[in-house]
Amino acid sequence: MSNQELIPLIPKLKNARIMVIGDLMVDEYIWGSVSRISPEAPVPVVSVTSESLRLGGAGNVINNIQTLGGKVLLGGVVGNDEMGRKVVQDLRKMGVDLRGVVVEPDWITTVKTRIIAHHQQVVRYDREVVRAIHPEALKRILTALEERIPELDAVLISDYGKGVVCPELVEQVRSLTLGTGKILTVDPKVKNLPLFQKVTVITPNHHEAGQATGRWIQTEEDLVSVGRQLLGQLQAKSVLITRGEKGMTLFQDTGDITHIPTMAKEVFDVTGAGDTVISVLTMALAAGADVKQAAALSNYAAGIVVGEVGTATLKSSDLEDAVRNGIRPKSKKNGPNG
């Protein structure tokens, strides 16, 4: 595929109108340096220099779409706690339509805390309680989708396995989207993979794909077998398996299999790379790209963000430079903002 056919797609991304449904959370970063090992235990002592909070999970998907100029409606749940209020405040500042966002008093907003020293993650710890959302919250999310479906190009499910994505939600979302000819894309978690029948595109990574089919992917033959099996099991139009440093492979219901090599020159942090892939893929499809073009464009986008430390987003100009030059922009590797 020629890069020249991808470049005209990039300005069209801003025309995408997408509803993102999924697990909202906060990515917390504690930045510092290490100069010694603790005398109490064989662990590094991190001298903290700064801290930062960023939207995570479905919130990071929203951030990616917004940064590229797309229009977004959001469906999800946060707790009536400090981090939940911050999520809502940040989204409101971004101008996101929040009619599908529910604040549940007994919900705990998930926070993933990463300690970063010398551009490397030292440890991560999570604060969360995983449970299914209340029926009232589910109804509000689906009502928001039903009200806005005529205006949307696509619906994107960002599943982090925290409780928002459940069988009833997926069934209703599939009916509303595919029944009206809209695009439905999914970034899945393994435990929910069987729910995502007949979607437009689903984007498991190679670990998730292997677990879902009970097969360890060691060779290209394993990969092809797993991809075809998933495509058949899910009756999806396409399955895009992301493969880290090996790029990604697209399986289509036409029988086509397309291997897309990675564009990343250096990998500093894979945090949020899946969010970037599903965001750009969905926006490109909404802008009229075919699935091969959309996958190729999302591959360039992923190659940019894995060169940044921490949850990263990208601008249209960065994406165009990467596609035009065949390389990612220079990484910003120091400081809490990247």
Protein backbone atom coordinates (compact mmCIF):
# COMPACT_ATOMS: atom_id res chain seq x y z
CA MET A 1 0.00 0.00 0.00
CA SER A 2 1.37 3.40 -1.00
CA ASN A 3 1.78 6.06 1.69
CA GLN A 4 0.38 8.53 -0.82
CA GLU A 5 -3.09 7.03 -0.57
CA LEU A 6 -3.05 7.40 3.24
CA ILE A 7 -2.10 11.09 3.39
CA PRO A 8 -5.41 12.44 1.98
CA LEU A 9 -7.26 10.50 4.67
CA ILE A 10 -5.65 12.35 7.56
CA PRO A 11 -7.47 15.72 7.17
CA LYS A 12 -10.75 13.78 6.89
CA LEU A 13 -10.34 12.25 10.35
CA LYS A 14 -11.77 15.41 11.92
CA ASN A 15 -15.11 14.67 10.26
CA ALA A 16 -15.55 11.46 12.27
CA ARG A 17 -18.52 11.35 14.68
CA ILE A 18 -18.05 8.54 17.16
CA MET A 19 -19.62 7.31 20.38
CA VAL A 20 -17.11 5.69 22.71
CA ILE A 21 -18.54 3.27 25.28
CA GLY A 22 -16.34 1.67 27.90
CA ASP A 23 -14.38 1.76 31.12
CA LEU A 24 -13.30 5.20 32.29
CA MET A 25 -10.25 5.44 34.52
CA VAL A 26 -7.31 7.60 35.52
CA ASP A 27 -3.65 7.02 34.65
CA GLU A 28 -1.47 8.45 37.41
CA TYR A 29 2.25 8.95 36.81
CA ILE A 30 4.89 9.50 39.49
CA TRP A 31 8.11 10.66 37.85
CA GLY A 32 11.53 10.47 39.44
CA SER A 33 15.05 9.06 39.42
CA VAL A 34 16.87 6.16 41.03
CA SER A 35 20.34 6.44 42.52
CA ARG A 36 20.38 3.69 45.11
CA ILE A 37 18.85 0.43 46.30
CA SER A 38 16.81 0.38 49.49
CA PRO A 39 18.63 -1.02 52.57
CA GLU A 40 15.29 -2.49 53.67
CA ALA A 41 14.71 -4.68 50.59
CA PRO A 42 16.32 -5.27 47.19
CA VAL A 43 14.22 -2.61 45.45
CA PRO A 44 15.15 0.76 43.92
CA VAL A 45 14.51 3.96 45.85
CA VAL A 46 12.73 6.46 43.59
CA SER A 47 13.32 10.12 44.32
CA VAL A 48 10.08 11.76 43.14
CA THR A 49 10.37 14.91 41.02
CA SER A 50 6.79 15.33 39.73
CA GLU A 51 3.37 13.74 39.40
CA SER A 52 0.69 13.88 36.70
CA LEU A 53 -2.84 12.60 36.10
CA ARG A 54 -4.25 11.68 32.68
CA LEU A 55 -7.43 10.20 31.33
CA GLY A 56 -7.09 6.44 30.96
CA GLY A 57 -9.04 3.55 29.43
CA ALA A 58 -11.97 4.81 27.38
CA GLY A 59 -10.95 8.31 28.47
CA ASN A 60 -7.67 7.93 26.62
CA VAL A 61 -9.58 6.81 23.52
CA ILE A 62 -11.63 10.00 23.80
CA ASN A 63 -8.43 12.00 24.17
CA ASN A 64 -6.99 10.48 20.99
CA ILE A 65 -10.11 11.20 18.96
CA GLN A 66 -10.43 14.76 20.30
CA THR A 67 -6.76 15.54 19.60
CA LEU A 68 -7.26 14.49 15.98
CA GLY A 69 -10.34 16.72 15.74
CA GLY A 70 -13.13 14.14 15.85
CA LYS A 71 -16.52 14.67 17.50
CA VAL A 72 -17.24 12.42 20.46
CA LEU A 73 -20.16 11.19 22.54
CA LEU A 74 -19.22 9.17 25.61
CA GLY A 75 -20.90 6.36 27.54
CA GLY A 76 -19.39 5.13 30.81
CA VAL A 77 -19.43 5.18 34.59
CA VAL A 78 -17.34 6.95 37.23
CA GLY A 79 -17.57 7.01 40.99
CA ASN A 80 -18.65 9.93 43.12
CA ASP A 81 -15.07 10.24 44.33
CA GLU A 82 -12.15 12.58 43.79
CA MET A 83 -10.86 10.82 40.69
CA GLY A 84 -14.35 10.43 39.24
CA ARG A 85 -14.95 14.14 39.61
CA LYS A 86 -11.61 14.87 37.93
CA VAL A 87 -12.54 12.64 34.98
CA VAL A 88 -15.85 14.47 34.50
CA GLN A 89 -14.18 17.87 34.89
CA ASP A 90 -11.48 17.07 32.33
CA LEU A 91 -13.99 15.70 29.83
CA ARG A 92 -16.24 18.71 30.26
CA LYS A 93 -13.29 21.03 29.58
CA MET A 94 -12.63 19.08 26.39
CA GLY A 95 -16.20 19.67 25.25
CA VAL A 96 -17.16 15.99 25.24
CA ASP A 97 -20.89 15.19 25.19
CA LEU A 98 -21.42 13.59 28.61
CA ARG A 99 -25.10 12.65 28.41
CA GLY A 100 -24.08 8.98 28.52
CA VAL A 101 -21.76 9.32 31.53
CA VAL A 102 -23.16 8.12 34.84
CA VAL A 103 -21.86 8.98 38.32
CA GLU A 104 -22.59 6.04 40.63
CA PRO A 105 -22.25 6.73 44.38
CA ASP A 106 -20.94 3.24 45.18
CA TRP A 107 -18.63 2.97 42.15
CA ILE A 108 -14.86 3.23 42.65
CA THR A 109 -13.10 5.07 39.84
CA THR A 110 -10.18 2.92 38.69
CA VAL A 111 -6.74 4.49 39.10
CA LYS A 112 -3.62 2.92 37.60
CA THR A 113 -0.48 4.37 39.17
CA ARG A 114 2.84 4.00 37.39
CA ILE A 115 6.17 4.98 38.91
CA ILE A 116 8.58 6.06 36.17
CA ALA A 117 12.32 6.52 36.64
CA HIS A 118 14.82 7.25 33.86
CA HIS A 119 12.07 6.78 31.26
CA GLN A 120 11.34 3.25 32.48
CA GLN A 121 8.36 1.95 34.44
CA VAL A 122 9.56 0.71 37.84
CA VAL A 123 6.23 -0.59 39.14
CA ARG A 124 2.49 -0.20 38.61
CA TYR A 125 -0.24 -0.52 41.18
CA ASP A 126 -4.01 -0.41 40.62
CA ARG A 127 -6.84 0.81 42.83
CA GLU A 128 -10.14 -0.60 41.64
CA VAL A 129 -13.22 -2.64 42.41
CA VAL A 130 -14.58 -4.59 39.44
CA ARG A 131 -18.34 -5.15 39.27
CA ALA A 132 -21.21 -4.86 36.80
CA ILE A 133 -22.90 -1.51 36.33
CA HIS A 134 -26.41 -0.93 37.67
CA PRO A 135 -29.34 -1.35 35.22
CA GLU A 136 -30.13 2.36 35.51
CA ALA A 137 -26.65 3.28 34.32
CA LEU A 138 -26.87 0.80 31.46
CA LYS A 139 -30.19 2.29 30.39
CA ARG A 140 -28.77 5.81 30.38
CA ILE A 141 -25.83 4.82 28.18
CA LEU A 142 -28.10 3.04 25.71
CA THR A 143 -30.58 5.93 25.70
CA ALA A 144 -27.79 8.36 24.83
CA LEU A 145 -26.76 6.09 21.94
CA GLU A 146 -30.32 5.68 20.71
CA GLU A 147 -30.91 9.45 20.74
CA ARG A 148 -27.72 10.23 18.82
CA ILE A 149 -27.36 7.23 16.51
CA PRO A 150 -28.62 9.11 13.40
CA GLU A 151 -25.76 11.61 13.78
CA LEU A 152 -23.00 9.06 14.36
CA ASP A 153 -20.65 7.35 11.93
CA ALA A 154 -19.39 4.72 14.34
CA VAL A 155 -19.55 3.26 17.83
CA LEU A 156 -16.33 2.18 19.55
CA ILE A 157 -16.36 -0.17 22.55
CA SER A 158 -13.29 0.23 24.77
CA ASP A 159 -13.36 -2.80 27.06
CA TYR A 160 -10.96 -2.85 30.00
CA GLY A 161 -12.91 -5.50 31.90
CA LYS A 162 -13.97 -3.20 34.74
CA GLY A 163 -17.71 -3.84 34.50
CA VAL A 164 -19.25 -1.43 31.99
CA VAL A 165 -19.14 -3.90 29.09
CA CYS A 166 -21.65 -6.67 29.72
CA PRO A 167 -23.79 -9.02 27.54
CA GLU A 168 -26.87 -6.80 27.57
CA LEU A 169 -24.90 -3.68 26.64
CA VAL A 170 -23.12 -5.41 23.76
CA GLU A 171 -26.34 -6.92 22.44
CA GLN A 172 -28.17 -3.59 22.44
CA VAL A 173 -25.22 -1.64 21.01
CA ARG A 174 -24.82 -4.19 18.21
CA SER A 175 -28.53 -3.98 17.38
CA LEU A 176 -28.56 -0.17 17.34
CA THR A 177 -25.37 0.25 15.31
CA LEU A 178 -25.37 -2.56 12.80
CA GLY A 179 -29.14 -2.29 12.43
CA THR A 180 -28.69 1.28 11.18
CA GLY A 181 -25.65 0.56 9.03
CA LYS A 182 -23.11 2.13 11.37
CA ILE A 183 -19.54 0.99 12.02
CA LEU A 184 -18.93 -0.98 15.25
CA THR A 185 -15.34 -1.43 16.44
CA VAL A 186 -14.08 -3.12 19.61
CA ASP A 187 -10.88 -3.12 21.63
CA PRO A 188 -11.61 -6.23 23.73
CA LYS A 189 -10.61 -7.98 26.91
CA VAL A 190 -10.27 -11.76 26.64
CA LYS A 191 -13.08 -12.66 29.03
CA ASN A 192 -15.60 -10.72 26.92
CA LEU A 193 -14.36 -11.71 23.47
CA PRO A 194 -17.22 -14.16 22.78
CA LEU A 195 -19.71 -11.29 23.22
CA PHE A 196 -18.45 -9.36 20.22
CA GLN A 197 -20.22 -11.15 17.41
CA LYS A 198 -20.58 -9.67 13.92
CA VAL A 199 -18.68 -6.44 14.64
CA THR A 200 -17.00 -4.41 11.91
CA VAL A 201 -13.49 -4.73 13.35
CA ILE A 202 -12.12 -6.15 16.60
CA THR A 203 -8.51 -5.49 17.71
CA PRO A 204 -7.13 -8.05 20.18
CA ASN A 205 -3.40 -8.15 20.78
CA HIS A 206 -1.58 -11.40 20.05
CA HIS A 207 -1.69 -12.51 23.69
CA GLU A 208 -5.46 -11.97 23.87
CA ALA A 209 -6.03 -13.68 20.54
CA GLY A 210 -4.00 -16.69 21.62
CA GLN A 211 -5.79 -16.97 24.97
CA ALA A 212 -9.19 -16.67 23.31
CA THR A 213 -8.47 -19.60 21.01
CA GLY A 214 -6.45 -21.68 23.45
CA ARG A 215 -3.33 -21.48 21.30
CA TRP A 216 0.09 -19.98 21.98
CA ILE A 217 1.21 -17.93 18.98
CA GLN A 218 4.83 -18.84 18.27
CA THR A 219 4.97 -18.96 14.47
CA GLU A 220 3.35 -17.25 11.52
CA GLU A 221 1.35 -20.43 10.97
CA ASP A 222 0.02 -20.18 14.54
CA LEU A 223 -0.93 -16.56 13.92
CA VAL A 224 -2.80 -17.32 10.71
CA SER A 225 -4.65 -20.22 12.35
CA VAL A 226 -5.65 -18.09 15.35
CA GLY A 227 -6.75 -15.17 13.18
CA ARG A 228 -8.91 -17.32 10.95
CA GLN A 229 -10.40 -19.10 13.96
CA LEU A 230 -11.33 -15.82 15.65
CA LEU A 231 -12.79 -14.43 12.44
CA GLY A 232 -15.01 -17.50 12.12
CA GLN A 233 -16.00 -17.70 15.77
CA LEU A 234 -16.97 -14.04 15.96
CA GLN A 235 -18.38 -13.79 12.42
CA ALA A 236 -16.67 -10.42 12.28
CA LYS A 237 -15.97 -8.51 9.10
CA SER A 238 -12.35 -8.07 10.18
CA VAL A 239 -10.00 -9.08 13.00
CA LEU A 240 -6.89 -6.93 13.48
CA ILE A 241 -4.32 -8.66 15.71
CA THR A 242 -1.74 -6.23 17.10
CA ARG A 243 1.66 -7.84 17.56
CA GLY A 244 3.92 -5.33 19.32
CA GLU A 245 7.31 -5.04 17.63
CA LYS A 246 6.07 -7.32 14.81
CA GLY A 247 3.38 -4.85 13.75
CA MET A 248 -0.15 -6.10 13.11
CA THR A 249 -2.01 -8.57 10.93
CA LEU A 250 -5.44 -7.97 9.43
CA PHE A 251 -7.84 -10.85 8.72
CA GLN A 252 -10.90 -10.08 6.57
CA ASP A 253 -14.03 -12.09 5.92
CA THR A 254 -13.11 -11.95 2.23
CA GLY A 255 -10.22 -14.30 3.03
CA ASP A 256 -7.56 -11.60 2.67
CA ILE A 257 -4.70 -11.61 5.21
CA THR A 258 -2.52 -8.50 5.37
CA HIS A 259 0.70 -8.27 7.40
CA ILE A 260 1.60 -4.69 8.38
CA PRO A 261 5.15 -4.22 9.76
CA THR A 262 5.66 -1.93 12.73
CA MET A 263 6.73 1.66 12.07
CA ALA A 264 8.14 2.24 15.58
CA LYS A 265 11.88 2.94 15.62
CA GLU A 266 12.16 2.82 19.43
CA VAL A 267 9.71 1.52 21.99
CA PHE A 268 9.75 3.32 25.35
CA ASP A 269 6.24 2.60 26.62
CA VAL A 270 3.32 0.63 25.16
CA THR A 271 0.84 2.24 27.58
CA GLY A 272 -2.22 3.35 25.60
CA ALA A 273 -0.98 2.04 22.25
CA GLY A 274 -4.11 -0.10 21.88
CA ASP A 275 -6.24 2.98 22.55
CA THR A 276 -4.47 4.83 19.76
CA VAL A 277 -4.89 1.93 17.32
CA ILE A 278 -8.64 1.59 17.89
CA SER A 279 -9.13 5.38 17.83
CA VAL A 280 -7.36 6.02 14.54
CA LEU A 281 -8.74 2.84 12.96
CA THR A 282 -12.32 3.84 13.78
CA MET A 283 -11.85 7.45 12.71
CA ALA A 284 -10.35 6.36 9.39
CA LEU A 285 -13.23 3.96 8.71
CA ALA A 286 -15.69 6.74 9.60
CA ALA A 287 -13.85 9.04 7.18
CA GLY A 288 -14.35 6.58 4.32
CA ALA A 289 -11.13 4.55 4.36
CA ASP A 290 -11.26 0.85 3.62
CA VAL A 291 -10.17 -1.45 6.42
CA LYS A 292 -6.66 -2.01 5.02
CA GLN A 293 -6.04 1.74 4.77
CA ALA A 294 -7.49 2.29 8.25
CA ALA A 295 -5.28 -0.43 9.74
CA ALA A 296 -2.16 0.94 8.03
CA LEU A 297 -2.88 4.45 9.32
CA SER A 298 -3.46 3.16 12.85
CA ASN A 299 -0.11 1.34 12.62
CA TYR A 300 1.69 4.61 11.93
CA ALA A 301 -0.14 6.20 14.86
CA ALA A 302 0.88 3.38 17.20
CA GLY A 303 4.48 3.73 16.05
CA ILE A 304 4.44 7.32 17.28
CA VAL A 305 2.91 6.82 20.72
CA VAL A 306 5.07 3.86 21.77
CA GLY A 307 8.04 6.21 21.41
CA GLU A 308 6.62 8.39 24.20
CA VAL A 309 6.74 7.63 27.91
CA GLY A 310 3.29 7.56 29.50
CA THR A 311 -0.18 7.66 28.01
CA ALA A 312 0.30 9.60 24.78
CA THR A 313 -1.85 11.12 22.06
CA LEU A 314 -0.85 12.50 18.68
CA LYS A 315 -1.69 15.44 16.45
CA SER A 316 -2.70 15.25 12.81
CA SER A 317 0.56 16.95 11.85
CA ASP A 318 2.58 14.25 13.66
CA LEU A 319 0.62 11.53 11.89
CA GLU A 320 1.07 13.14 8.49
CA ASP A 321 4.81 13.57 9.06
CA ALA A 322 5.12 9.91 10.06
CA VAL A 323 3.21 8.69 7.01
CA ARG A 324 4.99 11.04 4.62
CA ASN A 325 8.48 10.21 5.91
CA GLY A 326 7.91 6.59 6.91
CA ILE A 327 9.17 7.29 10.42
CA ARG A 328 7.73 8.57 13.67
CA PRO A 329 8.43 12.14 14.87
CA LYS A 330 11.28 12.60 17.31
CA SER A 331 10.33 11.26 20.74
CA LYS A 332 9.96 13.63 23.67
CA LYS A 333 11.43 11.43 26.37
CA ASN A 334 12.05 13.71 29.32
CA GLY A 335 9.59 15.21 31.75
CA PRO A 336 6.10 14.31 32.93
CA ASN A 337 4.41 15.47 29.75
CA GLY A 338 5.97 12.88 27.53
